[in-house]
């Protein structure tokens, strides 16, 4: 299996490489190519006891034949290079926002809509990190009861902004209070704004959660009201979710539906980002019924793994299985 990683030196890119080892995929990869920008060209990265040299990403690279190409270098890079790779007959698993709402391109969370991968070759979109853990937690409920309304507040780790977000928080903790990548100082703070703000006051991050959830659940009528918030946490997004269902169930029955989705666990303990960092499980806790057909829950997952790299690896595994 020939595999390429575009954006190999970034936070998600390096996690791809780590997961190749953890999931034993490196044993099945006959050729691994790492691509990044010119400033990262020549770097050496060890994967599975072998060192690989990072190449500068160029159009000619994408014209080669790969079994799978992982993209995690931003929407502009994906827009420019992914179609070239697709035209060359490659399967592209793209972690950017570039293709998610394209009706011709599947937006995939394998535990929910893996059937979209059967007999498919081309670009596959990986959803937004905050969307992935929310739809995983709600999947069984949506499938059995139907969801009418979701109100979600996210508490998103700085790693969601990439390695630069991590560095900014760590620098501020050292007393270097430069604000480069967030709207305000993030140390000891909470910033109720992620991404560019639109005319209606919502942000593009919030719009992603609305549109992507509707597409993944194949329900254009579902009402979704998100507020996305940045918090001074390194890894692990948390979400407080209020939801209304079409049919009524007890809390115990809701818990069973939550756990019916693979890689989702309900836990009575207080689950925090520190506990989930490095895990590939989406954790759900504090399920409460506030009135008929109306519930609350708390959801936490590692945003770099569950919300990005692990979902992409699971896409590859499921695609291979189905094809």
Protein backbone atom coordinates (compact mmCIF):
# COMPACT_ATOMS: atom_id res chain seq x y z
CA UNK A 1 0.00 0.00 0.00
CA UNK A 2 1.43 3.36 -1.07
CA UNK A 3 0.42 6.20 1.25
CA UNK A 4 1.17 9.92 1.24
CA UNK A 5 0.66 12.54 3.96
CA UNK A 6 0.30 16.19 2.95
CA UNK A 7 1.01 18.48 5.90
CA UNK A 8 3.13 15.81 7.57
CA UNK A 9 4.91 18.21 9.93
CA UNK A 10 1.74 19.74 11.41
CA UNK A 11 -0.10 18.69 14.56
CA UNK A 12 -2.60 16.43 12.79
CA UNK A 13 -0.05 15.25 10.23
CA UNK A 14 2.30 13.98 12.92
CA UNK A 15 -0.66 12.28 14.61
CA UNK A 16 -1.41 10.44 11.36
CA UNK A 17 2.12 9.04 11.48
CA UNK A 18 1.77 8.06 15.13
CA UNK A 19 -1.49 6.26 14.38
CA UNK A 20 0.09 4.37 11.47
CA UNK A 21 2.22 2.72 14.14
CA UNK A 22 -0.51 2.29 16.76
CA UNK A 23 -2.95 0.75 14.28
CA UNK A 24 -0.20 -1.44 12.75
CA UNK A 25 -0.81 0.14 9.35
CA UNK A 26 2.88 0.85 8.93
CA UNK A 27 3.38 -2.90 8.45
CA UNK A 28 1.07 -2.77 5.41
CA UNK A 29 2.53 0.41 3.92
CA UNK A 30 5.10 -0.50 1.27
CA UNK A 31 5.87 3.14 0.44
CA UNK A 32 5.29 6.19 2.64
CA UNK A 33 5.79 9.73 1.32
CA UNK A 34 5.68 12.85 3.47
CA UNK A 35 4.89 16.27 2.00
CA UNK A 36 4.87 19.77 3.47
CA UNK A 37 5.73 23.36 2.58
CA UNK A 38 9.15 24.43 1.39
CA UNK A 39 10.22 25.53 4.88
CA UNK A 40 9.81 21.96 6.15
CA UNK A 41 11.54 20.37 3.17
CA UNK A 42 14.42 18.10 4.20
CA UNK A 43 13.19 17.45 7.75
CA UNK A 44 13.47 13.83 8.84
CA UNK A 45 10.66 12.10 10.73
CA UNK A 46 10.85 8.62 12.22
CA UNK A 47 7.91 6.31 11.63
CA UNK A 48 8.07 2.66 12.65
CA UNK A 49 11.85 2.68 13.26
CA UNK A 50 12.51 4.10 9.79
CA UNK A 51 13.37 7.68 8.94
CA UNK A 52 11.55 9.53 6.17
CA UNK A 53 12.57 12.80 4.54
CA UNK A 54 9.89 15.45 4.09
CA UNK A 55 9.43 16.53 0.47
CA UNK A 56 8.18 19.86 -0.81
CA UNK A 57 4.58 19.52 -1.99
CA UNK A 58 4.34 19.99 -5.76
CA UNK A 59 1.74 19.28 -8.44
CA UNK A 60 3.92 16.56 -9.93
CA UNK A 61 3.79 14.61 -6.64
CA UNK A 62 0.02 14.55 -6.71
CA UNK A 63 -0.02 13.15 -10.24
CA UNK A 64 1.62 9.97 -8.94
CA UNK A 65 -0.44 6.90 -8.08
CA UNK A 66 -1.18 6.41 -4.38
CA UNK A 67 -3.54 4.04 -2.64
CA UNK A 68 -4.37 6.75 -0.09
CA UNK A 69 -3.41 10.39 0.39
CA UNK A 70 -4.07 12.17 3.68
CA UNK A 71 -4.39 15.97 3.52
CA UNK A 72 -4.05 18.15 6.60
CA UNK A 73 -2.48 21.37 5.39
CA UNK A 74 -5.42 23.77 5.28
CA UNK A 75 -8.25 24.51 2.87
CA UNK A 76 -6.17 26.51 0.37
CA UNK A 77 -3.68 23.65 -0.07
CA UNK A 78 -6.47 21.10 -0.40
CA UNK A 79 -8.27 23.28 -2.96
CA UNK A 80 -5.15 23.48 -5.10
CA UNK A 81 -3.72 19.96 -4.84
CA UNK A 82 -6.48 17.49 -3.89
CA UNK A 83 -8.31 17.70 -7.26
CA UNK A 84 -5.03 16.90 -9.03
CA UNK A 85 -4.61 13.80 -6.88
CA UNK A 86 -8.24 12.82 -7.46
CA UNK A 87 -7.86 13.21 -11.22
CA UNK A 88 -4.90 10.83 -11.04
CA UNK A 89 -7.17 8.15 -9.57
CA UNK A 90 -6.19 8.52 -5.93
CA UNK A 91 -8.33 8.24 -2.82
CA UNK A 92 -7.87 11.51 -0.89
CA UNK A 93 -8.92 11.80 2.77
CA UNK A 94 -9.07 15.54 3.36
CA UNK A 95 -9.07 17.04 6.84
CA UNK A 96 -9.75 20.62 5.73
CA UNK A 97 -13.08 22.44 5.37
CA UNK A 98 -12.64 22.81 1.60
CA UNK A 99 -14.89 19.99 0.36
CA UNK A 100 -17.18 19.22 3.29
CA UNK A 101 -20.29 20.86 1.90
CA UNK A 102 -19.73 19.80 -1.71
CA UNK A 103 -22.76 17.63 -2.52
CA UNK A 104 -20.67 15.37 -4.77
CA UNK A 105 -18.16 14.55 -1.99
CA UNK A 106 -19.00 12.27 0.97
CA UNK A 107 -18.60 13.72 4.47
CA UNK A 108 -17.81 10.64 6.51
CA UNK A 109 -17.82 9.48 10.11
CA UNK A 110 -17.39 5.69 9.57
CA UNK A 111 -19.41 4.67 12.62
CA UNK A 112 -22.39 6.57 11.15
CA UNK A 113 -22.34 6.62 7.34
CA UNK A 114 -19.60 4.24 6.15
CA UNK A 115 -21.87 3.00 3.34
CA UNK A 116 -20.91 6.16 1.39
CA UNK A 117 -17.44 4.69 0.92
CA UNK A 118 -18.53 1.61 -0.99
CA UNK A 119 -17.42 1.70 -4.64
CA UNK A 120 -16.21 5.28 -4.12
CA UNK A 121 -12.87 6.66 -5.29
CA UNK A 122 -11.83 10.30 -5.02
CA UNK A 123 -11.93 12.97 -2.32
CA UNK A 124 -13.47 12.03 1.03
CA UNK A 125 -14.10 14.88 3.47
CA UNK A 126 -13.25 14.54 7.15
CA UNK A 127 -15.69 16.62 9.29
CA UNK A 128 -14.81 19.38 11.75
CA UNK A 129 -13.44 18.18 15.11
CA UNK A 130 -16.32 19.52 17.21
CA UNK A 131 -18.87 18.07 14.79
CA UNK A 132 -17.40 14.56 14.86
CA UNK A 133 -17.65 14.01 18.61
CA UNK A 134 -21.14 15.53 18.75
CA UNK A 135 -22.60 13.35 15.99
CA UNK A 136 -20.94 10.25 17.45
CA UNK A 137 -22.53 10.94 20.85
CA UNK A 138 -25.97 11.62 19.31
CA UNK A 139 -25.95 9.01 16.55
CA UNK A 140 -27.86 6.22 18.30
CA UNK A 141 -30.42 8.71 19.60
CA UNK A 142 -30.95 10.24 16.15
CA UNK A 143 -31.25 6.79 14.57
CA UNK A 144 -33.90 5.49 17.00
CA UNK A 145 -35.75 8.56 18.26
CA UNK A 146 -35.06 11.32 15.73
CA UNK A 147 -33.57 14.67 16.72
CA UNK A 148 -35.63 17.85 16.42
CA UNK A 149 -33.28 20.38 18.00
CA UNK A 150 -29.68 20.62 19.27
CA UNK A 151 -28.24 23.47 21.33
CA UNK A 152 -24.50 23.00 21.85
CA UNK A 153 -21.80 25.04 23.59
CA UNK A 154 -18.25 23.88 22.86
CA UNK A 155 -15.15 24.33 25.02
CA UNK A 156 -12.39 23.83 22.47
CA UNK A 157 -8.71 23.16 23.16
CA UNK A 158 -6.00 25.38 21.68
CA UNK A 159 -4.67 22.44 19.62
CA UNK A 160 -7.77 22.91 17.47
CA UNK A 161 -5.89 25.88 16.02
CA UNK A 162 -2.88 23.67 15.28
CA UNK A 163 0.59 23.67 16.76
CA UNK A 164 0.67 27.48 16.70
CA UNK A 165 -2.25 27.52 19.16
CA UNK A 166 -0.42 25.21 21.54
CA UNK A 167 2.74 27.32 21.37
CA UNK A 168 0.78 30.51 22.06
CA UNK A 169 -0.74 29.09 25.25
CA UNK A 170 2.56 27.60 26.43
CA UNK A 171 4.37 30.90 25.76
CA UNK A 172 1.77 32.85 27.72
CA UNK A 173 2.15 30.42 30.62
CA UNK A 174 5.88 31.32 30.54
CA UNK A 175 5.02 35.03 30.70
CA UNK A 176 5.33 35.80 26.99
CA UNK A 177 1.97 37.50 26.48
CA UNK A 178 2.05 37.88 22.70
CA UNK A 179 -1.38 37.52 21.06
CA UNK A 180 -0.91 36.23 17.51
CA UNK A 181 -3.44 33.53 16.73
CA UNK A 182 -6.34 34.09 19.14
CA UNK A 183 -8.49 37.25 19.54
CA UNK A 184 -7.42 37.64 23.19
CA UNK A 185 -4.90 36.23 25.65
CA UNK A 186 -5.90 32.58 26.16
CA UNK A 187 -3.98 31.89 29.37
CA UNK A 188 -6.45 31.83 32.32
CA UNK A 189 -9.13 33.01 29.92
CA UNK A 190 -12.15 31.90 27.89
CA UNK A 191 -12.74 33.35 24.40
CA UNK A 192 -16.36 33.07 23.18
CA UNK A 193 -15.40 33.27 19.53
CA UNK A 194 -13.70 30.76 17.22
CA UNK A 195 -13.16 31.67 13.60
CA UNK A 196 -14.24 34.60 11.50
CA UNK A 197 -17.55 36.25 12.41
CA UNK A 198 -20.33 36.52 9.83
CA UNK A 199 -22.85 39.33 9.36
CA UNK A 200 -25.48 37.53 11.44
CA UNK A 201 -23.10 37.32 14.42
CA UNK A 202 -22.37 33.60 14.09
CA UNK A 203 -18.91 32.33 13.19
CA UNK A 204 -17.81 30.00 10.41
CA UNK A 205 -16.91 27.44 13.10
CA UNK A 206 -20.51 27.50 14.30
CA UNK A 207 -21.82 27.34 10.75
CA UNK A 208 -19.71 24.23 10.16
CA UNK A 209 -21.38 22.44 13.07
CA UNK A 210 -24.83 23.24 11.68
CA UNK A 211 -24.23 22.31 8.05
CA UNK A 212 -22.00 19.30 8.65
CA UNK A 213 -24.33 17.74 11.22
CA UNK A 214 -27.28 18.05 8.84
CA UNK A 215 -25.27 16.47 6.03
CA UNK A 216 -23.94 13.57 8.13
CA UNK A 217 -27.39 12.82 9.57
CA UNK A 218 -29.09 13.44 6.19
CA UNK A 219 -31.59 15.78 7.83
CA UNK A 220 -31.85 19.31 6.43
CA UNK A 221 -34.69 20.22 8.80
CA UNK A 222 -32.80 19.63 12.05
CA UNK A 223 -32.44 22.80 14.15
CA UNK A 224 -28.92 23.33 15.52
CA UNK A 225 -27.77 26.28 17.65
CA UNK A 226 -24.02 26.23 18.44
CA UNK A 227 -21.79 28.57 20.42
CA UNK A 228 -18.09 27.75 19.98
CA UNK A 229 -15.67 28.76 22.73
CA UNK A 230 -11.87 28.54 23.07
CA UNK A 231 -10.49 27.49 26.47
CA UNK A 232 -6.91 27.21 27.83
CA UNK A 233 -6.69 23.42 27.41
CA UNK A 234 -4.05 21.70 25.27
CA UNK A 235 -5.97 18.64 24.04
CA UNK A 236 -9.60 17.61 24.28
CA UNK A 237 -12.77 19.42 23.21
CA UNK A 238 -15.72 19.44 25.61
CA UNK A 239 -19.35 20.04 24.67
CA UNK A 240 -22.49 20.77 26.65
CA UNK A 241 -25.38 19.52 24.53
CA UNK A 242 -29.10 20.19 24.98
CA UNK A 243 -31.30 18.19 22.62
CA UNK A 244 -34.96 17.48 21.88
CA UNK A 245 -36.11 14.18 20.40
CA UNK A 246 -39.17 13.25 18.33
CA UNK A 247 -39.99 10.30 20.59
CA UNK A 248 -39.73 10.05 24.37
CA UNK A 249 -37.33 7.72 26.23
CA UNK A 250 -35.97 7.30 29.74
CA UNK A 251 -32.41 8.28 30.68
CA UNK A 252 -31.41 4.59 30.94
CA UNK A 253 -32.72 3.99 27.43
CA UNK A 254 -30.87 7.08 26.14
CA UNK A 255 -27.62 5.73 27.65
CA UNK A 256 -28.08 2.43 25.78
CA UNK A 257 -28.60 4.33 22.54
CA UNK A 258 -25.45 6.40 23.15
CA UNK A 259 -23.38 3.25 23.69
CA UNK A 260 -24.85 1.55 20.60
CA UNK A 261 -22.40 3.54 18.44
CA UNK A 262 -18.89 2.00 18.26
CA UNK A 263 -16.11 3.93 20.01
CA UNK A 264 -18.57 5.87 22.20
CA UNK A 265 -18.74 5.22 25.95
CA UNK A 266 -21.00 6.47 28.70
CA UNK A 267 -19.33 7.07 32.05
CA UNK A 268 -20.87 8.10 35.34
CA UNK A 269 -17.64 9.81 36.42
CA UNK A 270 -16.78 13.44 35.73
CA UNK A 271 -14.91 13.19 32.41
CA UNK A 272 -12.50 16.03 31.62
CA UNK A 273 -10.05 16.74 28.78
CA UNK A 274 -7.08 15.55 30.86
CA UNK A 275 -8.58 12.06 31.03
CA UNK A 276 -9.35 11.80 27.30
CA UNK A 277 -6.08 13.14 25.85
CA UNK A 278 -4.53 10.36 23.77
CA UNK A 279 -7.74 8.31 23.61
CA UNK A 280 -9.73 7.30 20.53
CA UNK A 281 -13.01 7.10 22.47
CA UNK A 282 -15.76 9.72 22.62
CA UNK A 283 -16.88 9.96 26.25
CA UNK A 284 -20.41 10.90 27.28
CA UNK A 285 -21.52 11.70 30.83
CA UNK A 286 -24.09 13.70 32.85
CA UNK A 287 -27.13 12.66 30.80
CA UNK A 288 -30.19 14.33 32.30
CA UNK A 289 -33.84 14.46 31.33
CA UNK A 290 -35.25 17.94 31.94
CA UNK A 291 -38.72 17.36 30.53
CA UNK A 292 -40.51 15.13 28.04
CA UNK A 293 -38.33 14.47 24.96
CA UNK A 294 -35.72 16.92 26.27
CA UNK A 295 -32.25 15.98 27.52
CA UNK A 296 -28.79 17.31 28.40
CA UNK A 297 -25.39 15.62 28.11
CA UNK A 298 -21.67 16.31 28.43
CA UNK A 299 -19.32 15.05 25.69
CA UNK A 300 -15.51 15.03 25.69
CA UNK A 301 -13.02 13.70 23.12
CA UNK A 302 -9.43 14.21 21.98
CA UNK A 303 -9.87 16.69 19.15
CA UNK A 304 -6.63 15.83 17.33
CA UNK A 305 -7.35 12.10 17.38
CA UNK A 306 -11.13 11.50 17.43
CA UNK A 307 -11.78 14.90 15.86
CA UNK A 308 -9.25 14.57 13.05
CA UNK A 309 -6.54 11.92 12.61
CA UNK A 310 -8.33 8.88 14.08
CA UNK A 311 -11.47 9.54 12.05
CA UNK A 312 -9.32 9.72 8.91
CA UNK A 313 -7.57 6.44 9.77
CA UNK A 314 -10.95 4.81 10.36
CA UNK A 315 -12.07 6.10 6.95
CA UNK A 316 -9.08 4.36 5.36
CA UNK A 317 -9.75 1.11 7.22
CA UNK A 318 -13.44 1.09 6.32
CA UNK A 319 -12.75 2.04 2.70
CA UNK A 320 -10.33 -0.87 2.36
CA UNK A 321 -12.82 -3.23 4.00
CA UNK A 322 -15.69 -2.22 1.71
CA UNK A 323 -13.65 -2.10 -1.51
